[in-house]
């Protein structure tokens, strides 16, 4: 008879956590409620981290939004999606007006990875246990309704589990599979914590293989954030059109690296019915003959693909080249 193996992962979210205020000792509040073991992952909501760190401010979301925003990604009615100072793309920059006194809002921690490192080190000193710590917040997902918790801070944890180079049961080599286990742990913990139950802490047990040795904090949850320009959706659909037509050089980064010449040429042909020709000037460019009334549309197409339009001496010809930093 073939012996079957099983994998068990469990999460515990204790009751009995008092109201957290500026200066509260989060580790001191957690330890009487749980029995930690080496390899556990301690999960804590960003809201209580922010409260303990004095990140509660008077005012409204709209009042606080500008100070937390790097750039606006999209607006739909009353909802503003922004890339915030942590690089996270969130509604209202992650500013929260729930579970806080009326007339106040909670800003995200200044350095969630740093907060996780401090908690991890404190737990080690007080208990001798080697655990990982994850700081979570709630976010929506592209193409999906609803929200889930994600990791915005982490210490002592492998936040991704690369599978590239491994083979499946059929012998197929995996190329890009890389589970974001930090986010998966955050979502699992939220199932036990809930939103209205007053359980801001959770302990996930059963993935000690992801926990790093004591003193090694790892890359942190910030490593899960794509660099500016690395995301396929740097702007909302409407906003991308407006930004491309406006052509402000300061808006280039979210459109990503310059596209291949063939890709831009195909777009110009598809949208404008023009056929660019390749040129070797400036290390590679495109030349196109166009009616003067299409100049702005041509420039917008070039901008959206990371290129720029350079008019030549001929009034009906233009040269395009990849935009320079």
C-alpha atoms as a PDB file:
ATOM      1  CA  UNK A   1       0.000   0.000   0.000  1.00  0.00           C
ATOM      2  CA  UNK A   2       1.380   3.380  -1.005  1.00  0.00           C
ATOM      3  CA  UNK A   3       1.946   5.719   1.926  1.00  0.00           C
ATOM      4  CA  UNK A   4       0.268   9.088   1.370  1.00  0.00           C
ATOM      5  CA  UNK A   5       1.838  12.326   2.526  1.00  0.00           C
ATOM      6  CA  UNK A   6      -0.160  15.310   3.718  1.00  0.00           C
ATOM      7  CA  UNK A   7       0.601  19.001   4.178  1.00  0.00           C
ATOM      8  CA  UNK A   8      -1.044  20.945   6.957  1.00  0.00           C
ATOM      9  CA  UNK A   9      -1.038  24.726   7.266  1.00  0.00           C
ATOM     10  CA  UNK A  10      -3.082  26.340  10.025  1.00  0.00           C
ATOM     11  CA  UNK A  11      -3.855  29.865  11.141  1.00  0.00           C
ATOM     12  CA  UNK A  12      -4.839  31.150  14.577  1.00  0.00           C
ATOM     13  CA  UNK A  13      -6.174  34.657  15.236  1.00  0.00           C
ATOM     14  CA  UNK A  14      -6.556  35.351  18.958  1.00  0.00           C
ATOM     15  CA  UNK A  15      -9.251  37.438  20.613  1.00  0.00           C
ATOM     16  CA  UNK A  16      -8.548  39.761  23.521  1.00  0.00           C
ATOM     17  CA  UNK A  17      -6.451  42.453  21.842  1.00  0.00           C
ATOM     18  CA  UNK A  18      -7.109  45.850  23.467  1.00  0.00           C
ATOM     19  CA  UNK A  19      -7.487  49.098  21.544  1.00  0.00           C
ATOM     20  CA  UNK A  20      -4.110  49.978  20.065  1.00  0.00           C
ATOM     21  CA  UNK A  21      -2.942  53.559  20.501  1.00  0.00           C
ATOM     22  CA  UNK A  22       0.172  55.585  19.698  1.00  0.00           C
ATOM     23  CA  UNK A  23       3.078  54.055  21.586  1.00  0.00           C
ATOM     24  CA  UNK A  24       1.393  50.676  22.181  1.00  0.00           C
ATOM     25  CA  UNK A  25       3.755  47.699  22.448  1.00  0.00           C
ATOM     26  CA  UNK A  26       2.433  45.379  19.753  1.00  0.00           C
ATOM     27  CA  UNK A  27       4.683  42.468  20.672  1.00  0.00           C
ATOM     28  CA  UNK A  28       3.740  42.917  24.310  1.00  0.00           C
ATOM     29  CA  UNK A  29       0.054  42.735  23.382  1.00  0.00           C
ATOM     30  CA  UNK A  30       0.552  39.653  21.185  1.00  0.00           C
ATOM     31  CA  UNK A  31       2.694  37.354  23.312  1.00  0.00           C
ATOM     32  CA  UNK A  32       0.231  36.670  26.169  1.00  0.00           C
ATOM     33  CA  UNK A  33      -2.331  35.518  23.601  1.00  0.00           C
ATOM     34  CA  UNK A  34      -0.311  32.941  21.631  1.00  0.00           C
ATOM     35  CA  UNK A  35       2.293  30.211  22.014  1.00  0.00           C
ATOM     36  CA  UNK A  36       4.874  30.758  19.309  1.00  0.00           C
ATOM     37  CA  UNK A  37       7.125  28.102  17.807  1.00  0.00           C
ATOM     38  CA  UNK A  38      10.175  28.346  15.576  1.00  0.00           C
ATOM     39  CA  UNK A  39       9.058  28.659  11.957  1.00  0.00           C
ATOM     40  CA  UNK A  40       5.759  30.406  12.691  1.00  0.00           C
ATOM     41  CA  UNK A  41       4.696  33.451  10.681  1.00  0.00           C
ATOM     42  CA  UNK A  42       3.235  36.264  12.766  1.00  0.00           C
ATOM     43  CA  UNK A  43       0.773  38.348  10.759  1.00  0.00           C
ATOM     44  CA  UNK A  44      -0.307  41.818  11.864  1.00  0.00           C
ATOM     45  CA  UNK A  45      -2.588  44.299  10.141  1.00  0.00           C
ATOM     46  CA  UNK A  46      -1.078  47.553   8.985  1.00  0.00           C
ATOM     47  CA  UNK A  47      -3.819  49.449  10.807  1.00  0.00           C
ATOM     48  CA  UNK A  48      -2.583  48.507  14.287  1.00  0.00           C
ATOM     49  CA  UNK A  49       1.024  49.055  13.213  1.00  0.00           C
ATOM     50  CA  UNK A  50       0.050  52.538  12.043  1.00  0.00           C
ATOM     51  CA  UNK A  51      -1.871  53.261  15.219  1.00  0.00           C
ATOM     52  CA  UNK A  52       1.053  52.184  17.394  1.00  0.00           C
ATOM     53  CA  UNK A  53       3.411  54.323  15.300  1.00  0.00           C
ATOM     54  CA  UNK A  54       1.235  57.429  15.557  1.00  0.00           C
ATOM     55  CA  UNK A  55       0.003  57.434  11.969  1.00  0.00           C
ATOM     56  CA  UNK A  56      -3.545  58.487  12.857  1.00  0.00           C
ATOM     57  CA  UNK A  57      -4.252  62.027  11.663  1.00  0.00           C
ATOM     58  CA  UNK A  58      -7.211  64.380  11.849  1.00  0.00           C
ATOM     59  CA  UNK A  59      -9.071  65.028   8.623  1.00  0.00           C
ATOM     60  CA  UNK A  60     -10.581  63.117   5.725  1.00  0.00           C
ATOM     61  CA  UNK A  61      -9.205  60.758   3.104  1.00  0.00           C
ATOM     62  CA  UNK A  62      -9.370  63.515   0.502  1.00  0.00           C
ATOM     63  CA  UNK A  63      -7.450  65.873   2.777  1.00  0.00           C
ATOM     64  CA  UNK A  64      -4.663  63.329   3.376  1.00  0.00           C
ATOM     65  CA  UNK A  65      -4.503  61.897  -0.139  1.00  0.00           C
ATOM     66  CA  UNK A  66      -2.075  64.359  -1.743  1.00  0.00           C
ATOM     67  CA  UNK A  67       0.621  63.744   0.868  1.00  0.00           C
ATOM     68  CA  UNK A  68       0.523  59.970   0.298  1.00  0.00           C
ATOM     69  CA  UNK A  69       0.336  60.066  -3.515  1.00  0.00           C
ATOM     70  CA  UNK A  70       3.181  59.815  -6.014  1.00  0.00           C
ATOM     71  CA  UNK A  71       0.875  59.887  -9.027  1.00  0.00           C
ATOM     72  CA  UNK A  72      -2.755  59.266  -9.912  1.00  0.00           C
ATOM     73  CA  UNK A  73      -3.324  56.044 -11.851  1.00  0.00           C
ATOM     74  CA  UNK A  74      -7.059  56.320 -12.502  1.00  0.00           C
ATOM     75  CA  UNK A  75     -10.238  58.030 -11.356  1.00  0.00           C
ATOM     76  CA  UNK A  76     -13.715  56.559 -11.581  1.00  0.00           C
ATOM     77  CA  UNK A  77     -16.418  58.657  -9.957  1.00  0.00           C
ATOM     78  CA  UNK A  78     -15.530  59.114  -6.279  1.00  0.00           C
ATOM     79  CA  UNK A  79     -12.755  56.508  -6.415  1.00  0.00           C
ATOM     80  CA  UNK A  80      -9.158  57.582  -6.954  1.00  0.00           C
ATOM     81  CA  UNK A  81      -6.540  54.884  -7.561  1.00  0.00           C
ATOM     82  CA  UNK A  82      -2.994  56.084  -6.939  1.00  0.00           C
ATOM     83  CA  UNK A  83       0.544  54.827  -6.744  1.00  0.00           C
ATOM     84  CA  UNK A  84       1.485  55.782  -3.222  1.00  0.00           C
ATOM     85  CA  UNK A  85       4.831  56.623  -1.654  1.00  0.00           C
ATOM     86  CA  UNK A  86       5.450  52.892  -0.932  1.00  0.00           C
ATOM     87  CA  UNK A  87       4.993  52.055  -4.623  1.00  0.00           C
ATOM     88  CA  UNK A  88       1.672  50.335  -3.930  1.00  0.00           C
ATOM     89  CA  UNK A  89      -1.231  50.969  -6.304  1.00  0.00           C
ATOM     90  CA  UNK A  90      -4.311  51.369  -4.128  1.00  0.00           C
ATOM     91  CA  UNK A  91      -7.595  53.160  -3.786  1.00  0.00           C
ATOM     92  CA  UNK A  92      -7.056  56.392  -1.828  1.00  0.00           C
ATOM     93  CA  UNK A  93      -3.373  55.461  -1.287  1.00  0.00           C
ATOM     94  CA  UNK A  94      -4.409  52.911   1.350  1.00  0.00           C
ATOM     95  CA  UNK A  95      -5.728  55.615   3.679  1.00  0.00           C
ATOM     96  CA  UNK A  96      -8.348  54.068   5.978  1.00  0.00           C
ATOM     97  CA  UNK A  97     -11.248  55.729   7.741  1.00  0.00           C
ATOM     98  CA  UNK A  98     -12.683  52.593   9.415  1.00  0.00           C
ATOM     99  CA  UNK A  99     -12.144  51.427  12.993  1.00  0.00           C
ATOM    100  CA  UNK A 100     -10.917  54.879  13.978  1.00  0.00           C
ATOM    101  CA  UNK A 101     -12.527  57.833  15.732  1.00  0.00           C
ATOM    102  CA  UNK A 102     -14.805  59.971  13.579  1.00  0.00           C
ATOM    103  CA  UNK A 103     -12.921  62.819  11.928  1.00  0.00           C
ATOM    104  CA  UNK A 104      -9.648  60.880  11.756  1.00  0.00           C
ATOM    105  CA  UNK A 105      -7.981  58.601   9.223  1.00  0.00           C
ATOM    106  CA  UNK A 106      -5.165  56.065   9.410  1.00  0.00           C
ATOM    107  CA  UNK A 107      -2.190  56.390   7.053  1.00  0.00           C
ATOM    108  CA  UNK A 108      -0.082  53.380   6.107  1.00  0.00           C
ATOM    109  CA  UNK A 109       3.126  52.821   8.112  1.00  0.00           C
ATOM    110  CA  UNK A 110       6.114  54.859   6.950  1.00  0.00           C
ATOM    111  CA  UNK A 111       8.241  51.719   6.491  1.00  0.00           C
ATOM    112  CA  UNK A 112       6.236  48.467   6.741  1.00  0.00           C
ATOM    113  CA  UNK A 113       9.297  46.267   6.141  1.00  0.00           C
ATOM    114  CA  UNK A 114      11.106  48.145   8.894  1.00  0.00           C
ATOM    115  CA  UNK A 115       8.131  47.695  11.237  1.00  0.00           C
ATOM    116  CA  UNK A 116       8.162  43.954  10.520  1.00  0.00           C
ATOM    117  CA  UNK A 117      11.894  43.751  11.233  1.00  0.00           C
ATOM    118  CA  UNK A 118      11.474  45.502  14.571  1.00  0.00           C
ATOM    119  CA  UNK A 119       8.671  43.162  15.635  1.00  0.00           C
ATOM    120  CA  UNK A 120      10.614  40.098  14.557  1.00  0.00           C
ATOM    121  CA  UNK A 121      13.705  41.154  16.483  1.00  0.00           C
ATOM    122  CA  UNK A 122      11.627  41.935  19.574  1.00  0.00           C
ATOM    123  CA  UNK A 123       9.931  38.535  19.476  1.00  0.00           C
ATOM    124  CA  UNK A 124      13.325  36.859  19.203  1.00  0.00           C
ATOM    125  CA  UNK A 125      14.663  38.752  22.215  1.00  0.00           C
ATOM    126  CA  UNK A 126      11.599  38.111  24.381  1.00  0.00           C
ATOM    127  CA  UNK A 127      10.872  34.478  23.485  1.00  0.00           C
ATOM    128  CA  UNK A 128      13.971  33.053  21.793  1.00  0.00           C
ATOM    129  CA  UNK A 129      11.744  31.961  18.909  1.00  0.00           C
ATOM    130  CA  UNK A 130      12.705  32.449  15.281  1.00  0.00           C
ATOM    131  CA  UNK A 131       9.571  33.601  13.484  1.00  0.00           C
ATOM    132  CA  UNK A 132       8.787  35.655  10.410  1.00  0.00           C
ATOM    133  CA  UNK A 133       6.550  38.726  10.522  1.00  0.00           C
ATOM    134  CA  UNK A 134       4.161  39.953   7.818  1.00  0.00           C
ATOM    135  CA  UNK A 135       2.373  43.322   7.842  1.00  0.00           C
ATOM    136  CA  UNK A 136      -0.837  43.268   5.800  1.00  0.00           C
ATOM    137  CA  UNK A 137      -3.268  45.641   4.173  1.00  0.00           C
ATOM    138  CA  UNK A 138      -6.379  45.238   2.039  1.00  0.00           C
ATOM    139  CA  UNK A 139      -6.305  45.851  -1.714  1.00  0.00           C
ATOM    140  CA  UNK A 140      -8.386  45.217  -4.802  1.00  0.00           C
ATOM    141  CA  UNK A 141      -7.192  43.219  -7.791  1.00  0.00           C
ATOM    142  CA  UNK A 142      -7.253  43.958 -11.507  1.00  0.00           C
ATOM    143  CA  UNK A 143     -10.037  42.079 -13.318  1.00  0.00           C
ATOM    144  CA  UNK A 144     -11.558  40.795 -10.034  1.00  0.00           C
ATOM    145  CA  UNK A 145     -14.354  41.999  -7.787  1.00  0.00           C
ATOM    146  CA  UNK A 146     -13.781  42.348  -4.049  1.00  0.00           C
ATOM    147  CA  UNK A 147     -10.628  42.780  -2.034  1.00  0.00           C
ATOM    148  CA  UNK A 148      -8.110  40.577  -0.271  1.00  0.00           C
ATOM    149  CA  UNK A 149      -5.246  41.168   2.121  1.00  0.00           C
ATOM    150  CA  UNK A 150      -1.716  41.447   0.765  1.00  0.00           C
ATOM    151  CA  UNK A 151       1.708  41.693   2.363  1.00  0.00           C
ATOM    152  CA  UNK A 152       3.006  45.274   2.467  1.00  0.00           C
ATOM    153  CA  UNK A 153       5.756  44.532   4.983  1.00  0.00           C
ATOM    154  CA  UNK A 154       7.730  41.389   5.770  1.00  0.00           C
ATOM    155  CA  UNK A 155      10.776  40.243   7.707  1.00  0.00           C
ATOM    156  CA  UNK A 156      12.368  36.820   7.900  1.00  0.00           C
ATOM    157  CA  UNK A 157      10.211  35.441   5.106  1.00  0.00           C
ATOM    158  CA  UNK A 158      10.741  34.308   1.528  1.00  0.00           C
ATOM    159  CA  UNK A 159       7.925  36.403   0.062  1.00  0.00           C
ATOM    160  CA  UNK A 160       8.041  34.533  -3.260  1.00  0.00           C
ATOM    161  CA  UNK A 161       8.683  30.887  -4.013  1.00  0.00           C
ATOM    162  CA  UNK A 162      10.303  30.620  -7.461  1.00  0.00           C
ATOM    163  CA  UNK A 163       9.388  27.515  -9.422  1.00  0.00           C
ATOM    164  CA  UNK A 164      11.288  28.422 -12.596  1.00  0.00           C
ATOM    165  CA  UNK A 165      13.435  25.478 -13.680  1.00  0.00           C
ATOM    166  CA  UNK A 166      11.400  22.885 -11.766  1.00  0.00           C
ATOM    167  CA  UNK A 167       9.417  20.217 -13.597  1.00  0.00           C
ATOM    168  CA  UNK A 168       5.828  19.144 -13.061  1.00  0.00           C
ATOM    169  CA  UNK A 169       4.532  15.572 -12.808  1.00  0.00           C
ATOM    170  CA  UNK A 170       4.490  15.317 -16.613  1.00  0.00           C
ATOM    171  CA  UNK A 171       8.087  16.450 -17.025  1.00  0.00           C
ATOM    172  CA  UNK A 172       7.216  19.961 -18.222  1.00  0.00           C
ATOM    173  CA  UNK A 173       9.677  22.611 -17.125  1.00  0.00           C
ATOM    174  CA  UNK A 174       8.102  25.602 -15.388  1.00  0.00           C
ATOM    175  CA  UNK A 175       9.295  28.928 -16.755  1.00  0.00           C
ATOM    176  CA  UNK A 176       7.699  31.847 -14.898  1.00  0.00           C
ATOM    177  CA  UNK A 177       5.637  30.349 -12.051  1.00  0.00           C
ATOM    178  CA  UNK A 178       6.453  32.242  -8.855  1.00  0.00           C
ATOM    179  CA  UNK A 179       3.782  32.130  -6.145  1.00  0.00           C
ATOM    180  CA  UNK A 180       3.654  35.314  -4.067  1.00  0.00           C
ATOM    181  CA  UNK A 181       3.546  33.348  -0.823  1.00  0.00           C
ATOM    182  CA  UNK A 182       3.754  36.522   1.270  1.00  0.00           C
ATOM    183  CA  UNK A 183       0.421  37.619  -0.193  1.00  0.00           C
ATOM    184  CA  UNK A 184      -1.016  34.115   0.146  1.00  0.00           C
ATOM    185  CA  UNK A 185      -0.132  34.081   3.841  1.00  0.00           C
ATOM    186  CA  UNK A 186      -1.729  37.521   4.257  1.00  0.00           C
ATOM    187  CA  UNK A 187      -4.947  36.336   2.599  1.00  0.00           C
ATOM    188  CA  UNK A 188      -5.043  33.177   4.666  1.00  0.00           C
ATOM    189  CA  UNK A 189      -4.586  35.111   7.895  1.00  0.00           C
ATOM    190  CA  UNK A 190      -7.404  37.508   6.988  1.00  0.00           C
ATOM    191  CA  UNK A 191      -9.836  34.583   6.804  1.00  0.00           C
ATOM    192  CA  UNK A 192      -9.302  34.036  10.524  1.00  0.00           C
ATOM    193  CA  UNK A 193      -8.888  37.675  11.529  1.00  0.00           C
ATOM    194  CA  UNK A 194     -11.975  39.091   9.820  1.00  0.00           C
ATOM    195  CA  UNK A 195     -12.612  42.789   9.350  1.00  0.00           C
ATOM    196  CA  UNK A 196     -14.824  43.605  12.315  1.00  0.00           C
ATOM    197  CA  UNK A 197     -13.761  41.060  14.944  1.00  0.00           C
ATOM    198  CA  UNK A 198     -10.970  42.952  16.698  1.00  0.00           C
ATOM    199  CA  UNK A 199      -8.354  40.333  15.838  1.00  0.00           C
ATOM    200  CA  UNK A 200      -5.421  42.211  14.274  1.00  0.00           C
ATOM    201  CA  UNK A 201      -2.896  39.424  14.910  1.00  0.00           C
ATOM    202  CA  UNK A 202      -2.648  35.942  13.440  1.00  0.00           C
ATOM    203  CA  UNK A 203      -0.116  33.129  13.559  1.00  0.00           C
ATOM    204  CA  UNK A 204       0.341  30.922  10.502  1.00  0.00           C
ATOM    205  CA  UNK A 205       1.968  27.559  11.169  1.00  0.00           C
ATOM    206  CA  UNK A 206       3.106  24.921   8.714  1.00  0.00           C
ATOM    207  CA  UNK A 207       5.371  26.847   6.322  1.00  0.00           C
ATOM    208  CA  UNK A 208       8.592  26.944   8.311  1.00  0.00           C
ATOM    209  CA  UNK A 209      10.369  26.251   5.022  1.00  0.00           C
ATOM    210  CA  UNK A 210       9.699  29.889   4.092  1.00  0.00           C
ATOM    211  CA  UNK A 211      11.107  31.323   7.322  1.00  0.00           C
ATOM    212  CA  UNK A 212      14.698  32.554   7.141  1.00  0.00           C
ATOM    213  CA  UNK A 213      17.354  31.960   9.813  1.00  0.00           C
ATOM    214  CA  UNK A 214      17.466  34.372  12.738  1.00  0.00           C
ATOM    215  CA  UNK A 215      19.123  37.631  11.731  1.00  0.00           C
ATOM    216  CA  UNK A 216      18.322  37.213   8.034  1.00  0.00           C
ATOM    217  CA  UNK A 217      15.340  39.417   7.250  1.00  0.00           C
ATOM    218  CA  UNK A 218      15.146  38.783   3.511  1.00  0.00           C
ATOM    219  CA  UNK A 219      14.018  41.110   0.727  1.00  0.00           C
ATOM    220  CA  UNK A 220      10.862  42.316   2.448  1.00  0.00           C
ATOM    221  CA  UNK A 221       7.431  42.824   0.925  1.00  0.00           C
ATOM    222  CA  UNK A 222       8.715  45.851  -0.978  1.00  0.00           C
ATOM    223  CA  UNK A 223      10.330  43.366  -3.368  1.00  0.00           C
ATOM    224  CA  UNK A 224       6.825  42.357  -4.494  1.00  0.00           C
ATOM    225  CA  UNK A 225       6.184  45.849  -5.890  1.00  0.00           C
ATOM    226  CA  UNK A 226       6.934  46.142  -9.591  1.00  0.00           C
ATOM    227  CA  UNK A 227       9.235  48.997 -10.529  1.00  0.00           C
ATOM    228  CA  UNK A 228       7.645  52.002 -12.200  1.00  0.00           C
ATOM    229  CA  UNK A 229       7.213  51.134 -15.869  1.00  0.00           C
ATOM    230  CA  UNK A 230       7.310  47.393 -15.220  1.00  0.00           C
ATOM    231  CA  UNK A 231       3.538  47.059 -14.885  1.00  0.00           C
ATOM    232  CA  UNK A 232       1.381  46.549 -17.967  1.00  0.00           C
ATOM    233  CA  UNK A 233      -1.262  48.847 -16.490  1.00  0.00           C
ATOM    234  CA  UNK A 234       0.564  51.982 -15.418  1.00  0.00           C
ATOM    235  CA  UNK A 235      -2.559  54.101 -16.047  1.00  0.00           C
ATOM    236  CA  UNK A 236      -6.258  53.470 -16.319  1.00  0.00           C
ATOM    237  CA  UNK A 237      -7.583  53.098 -19.864  1.00  0.00           C
ATOM    238  CA  UNK A 238      -8.949  56.651 -20.065  1.00  0.00           C
ATOM    239  CA  UNK A 239      -5.968  58.171 -18.349  1.00  0.00           C
ATOM    240  CA  UNK A 240      -3.511  56.423 -20.684  1.00  0.00           C
ATOM    241  CA  UNK A 241      -5.186  57.995 -23.713  1.00  0.00           C
ATOM    242  CA  UNK A 242      -5.130  61.465 -22.163  1.00  0.00           C
ATOM    243  CA  UNK A 243      -1.501  61.165 -21.044  1.00  0.00           C
ATOM    244  CA  UNK A 244      -0.350  59.960 -24.456  1.00  0.00           C
ATOM    245  CA  UNK A 245      -2.131  62.808 -26.236  1.00  0.00           C
ATOM    246  CA  UNK A 246      -0.736  65.348 -23.811  1.00  0.00           C
ATOM    247  CA  UNK A 247       2.785  63.963 -24.289  1.00  0.00           C
ATOM    248  CA  UNK A 248       4.340  65.305 -21.104  1.00  0.00           C
ATOM    249  CA  UNK A 249       7.829  63.739 -20.740  1.00  0.00           C
ATOM    250  CA  UNK A 250       7.167  63.411 -17.011  1.00  0.00           C
ATOM    251  CA  UNK A 251       4.439  60.860 -17.787  1.00  0.00           C
ATOM    252  CA  UNK A 252       6.671  58.488 -19.750  1.00  0.00           C
ATOM    253  CA  UNK A 253       7.789  56.063 -17.030  1.00  0.00           C
ATOM    254  CA  UNK A 254       4.478  54.230 -16.470  1.00  0.00           C
ATOM    255  CA  UNK A 255       4.289  53.396 -20.189  1.00  0.00           C
ATOM    256  CA  UNK A 256       7.383  51.225 -19.810  1.00  0.00           C
ATOM    257  CA  UNK A 257      10.465  50.682 -21.940  1.00  0.00           C
ATOM    258  CA  UNK A 258      10.382  51.612 -25.654  1.00  0.00           C
ATOM    259  CA  UNK A 259       8.547  49.087 -27.794  1.00  0.00           C
ATOM    260  CA  UNK A 260      10.164  47.186 -30.618  1.00  0.00           C
ATOM    261  CA  UNK A 261      10.153  49.196 -33.894  1.00  0.00           C
ATOM    262  CA  UNK A 262       7.968  46.575 -35.571  1.00  0.00           C
ATOM    263  CA  UNK A 263       5.357  46.902 -32.826  1.00  0.00           C
ATOM    264  CA  UNK A 264       5.160  50.685 -33.195  1.00  0.00           C
ATOM    265  CA  UNK A 265       5.114  50.447 -36.994  1.00  0.00           C
ATOM    266  CA  UNK A 266       2.223  47.973 -36.818  1.00  0.00           C
ATOM    267  CA  UNK A 267       0.287  50.296 -34.502  1.00  0.00           C
ATOM    268  CA  UNK A 268       0.806  53.271 -36.824  1.00  0.00           C
ATOM    269  CA  UNK A 269      -0.414  51.236 -39.776  1.00  0.00           C
ATOM    270  CA  UNK A 270      -3.409  49.877 -37.854  1.00  0.00           C
ATOM    271  CA  UNK A 271      -4.560  53.237 -36.436  1.00  0.00           C
ATOM    272  CA  UNK A 272      -3.495  55.746 -39.095  1.00  0.00           C
ATOM    273  CA  UNK A 273      -3.136  53.643 -42.233  1.00  0.00           C
ATOM    274  CA  UNK A 274       0.463  54.819 -42.684  1.00  0.00           C
ATOM    275  CA  UNK A 275       3.452  52.596 -43.408  1.00  0.00           C
ATOM    276  CA  UNK A 276       6.685  53.653 -41.662  1.00  0.00           C
ATOM    277  CA  UNK A 277      10.053  52.658 -43.057  1.00  0.00           C
ATOM    278  CA  UNK A 278      13.029  51.621 -40.986  1.00  0.00           C
ATOM    279  CA  UNK A 279      16.084  53.868 -40.773  1.00  0.00           C
ATOM    280  CA  UNK A 280      19.503  53.393 -39.227  1.00  0.00           C
ATOM    281  CA  UNK A 281      19.878  57.000 -38.130  1.00  0.00           C
ATOM    282  CA  UNK A 282      20.566  57.523 -34.422  1.00  0.00           C
ATOM    283  CA  UNK A 283      21.054  53.800 -33.957  1.00  0.00           C
ATOM    284  CA  UNK A 284      17.629  52.844 -35.292  1.00  0.00           C
ATOM    285  CA  UNK A 285      14.536  54.878 -36.065  1.00  0.00           C
ATOM    286  CA  UNK A 286      11.393  54.964 -38.182  1.00  0.00           C
ATOM    287  CA  UNK A 287      10.476  57.427 -40.901  1.00  0.00           C
ATOM    288  CA  UNK A 288       6.905  58.059 -41.957  1.00  0.00           C
ATOM    289  CA  UNK A 289       5.196  60.351 -44.475  1.00  0.00           C
ATOM    290  CA  UNK A 290       1.947  61.714 -43.059  1.00  0.00           C
ATOM    291  CA  UNK A 291      -0.767  64.328 -43.633  1.00  0.00           C
ATOM    292  CA  UNK A 292      -0.209  67.312 -41.362  1.00  0.00           C
ATOM    293  CA  UNK A 293      -3.552  66.789 -39.655  1.00  0.00           C
ATOM    294  CA  UNK A 294      -2.330  63.483 -38.216  1.00  0.00           C
ATOM    295  CA  UNK A 295       0.726  64.909 -36.464  1.00  0.00           C
ATOM    296  CA  UNK A 296      -0.796  64.848 -32.994  1.00  0.00           C
ATOM    297  CA  UNK A 297      -2.164  61.325 -33.362  1.00  0.00           C
ATOM    298  CA  UNK A 298       1.221  60.131 -34.622  1.00  0.00           C
ATOM    299  CA  UNK A 299       2.996  61.779 -31.697  1.00  0.00           C
ATOM    300  CA  UNK A 300       0.556  60.156 -29.243  1.00  0.00           C
ATOM    301  CA  UNK A 301       1.125  56.707 -30.704  1.00  0.00           C
ATOM    302  CA  UNK A 302       4.856  57.222 -30.474  1.00  0.00           C
ATOM    303  CA  UNK A 303       4.590  58.418 -26.866  1.00  0.00           C
ATOM    304  CA  UNK A 304       2.453  55.445 -25.816  1.00  0.00           C
ATOM    305  CA  UNK A 305       5.101  53.104 -27.225  1.00  0.00           C
ATOM    306  CA  UNK A 306       8.022  54.857 -25.532  1.00  0.00           C
ATOM    307  CA  UNK A 307       9.141  56.695 -28.675  1.00  0.00           C
ATOM    308  CA  UNK A 308       9.295  60.344 -29.665  1.00  0.00           C
ATOM    309  CA  UNK A 309       8.487  62.129 -32.926  1.00  0.00           C
ATOM    310  CA  UNK A 310      11.192  64.249 -34.520  1.00  0.00           C
ATOM    311  CA  UNK A 311      10.025  66.256 -37.516  1.00  0.00           C
ATOM    312  CA  UNK A 312      12.491  66.546 -40.386  1.00  0.00           C
ATOM    313  CA  UNK A 313      13.023  69.346 -42.904  1.00  0.00           C
ATOM    314  CA  UNK A 314      10.229  68.012 -45.073  1.00  0.00           C
ATOM    315  CA  UNK A 315       6.808  69.324 -44.000  1.00  0.00           C
ATOM    316  CA  UNK A 316       5.198  65.913 -44.551  1.00  0.00           C
ATOM    317  CA  UNK A 317       7.881  63.569 -43.219  1.00  0.00           C
ATOM    318  CA  UNK A 318       8.738  62.714 -39.630  1.00  0.00           C
ATOM    319  CA  UNK A 319      11.345  60.567 -37.974  1.00  0.00           C
ATOM    320  CA  UNK A 320      10.611  58.620 -34.793  1.00  0.00           C
ATOM    321  CA  UNK A 321      13.147  57.257 -32.351  1.00  0.00           C
ATOM    322  CA  UNK A 322      13.048  55.576 -28.927  1.00  0.00           C
ATOM    323  CA  UNK A 323      12.724  58.205 -26.215  1.00  0.00           C
ATOM    324  CA  UNK A 324      15.896  58.949 -24.330  1.00  0.00           C
ATOM    325  CA  UNK A 325      15.971  59.077 -20.520  1.00  0.00           C
END
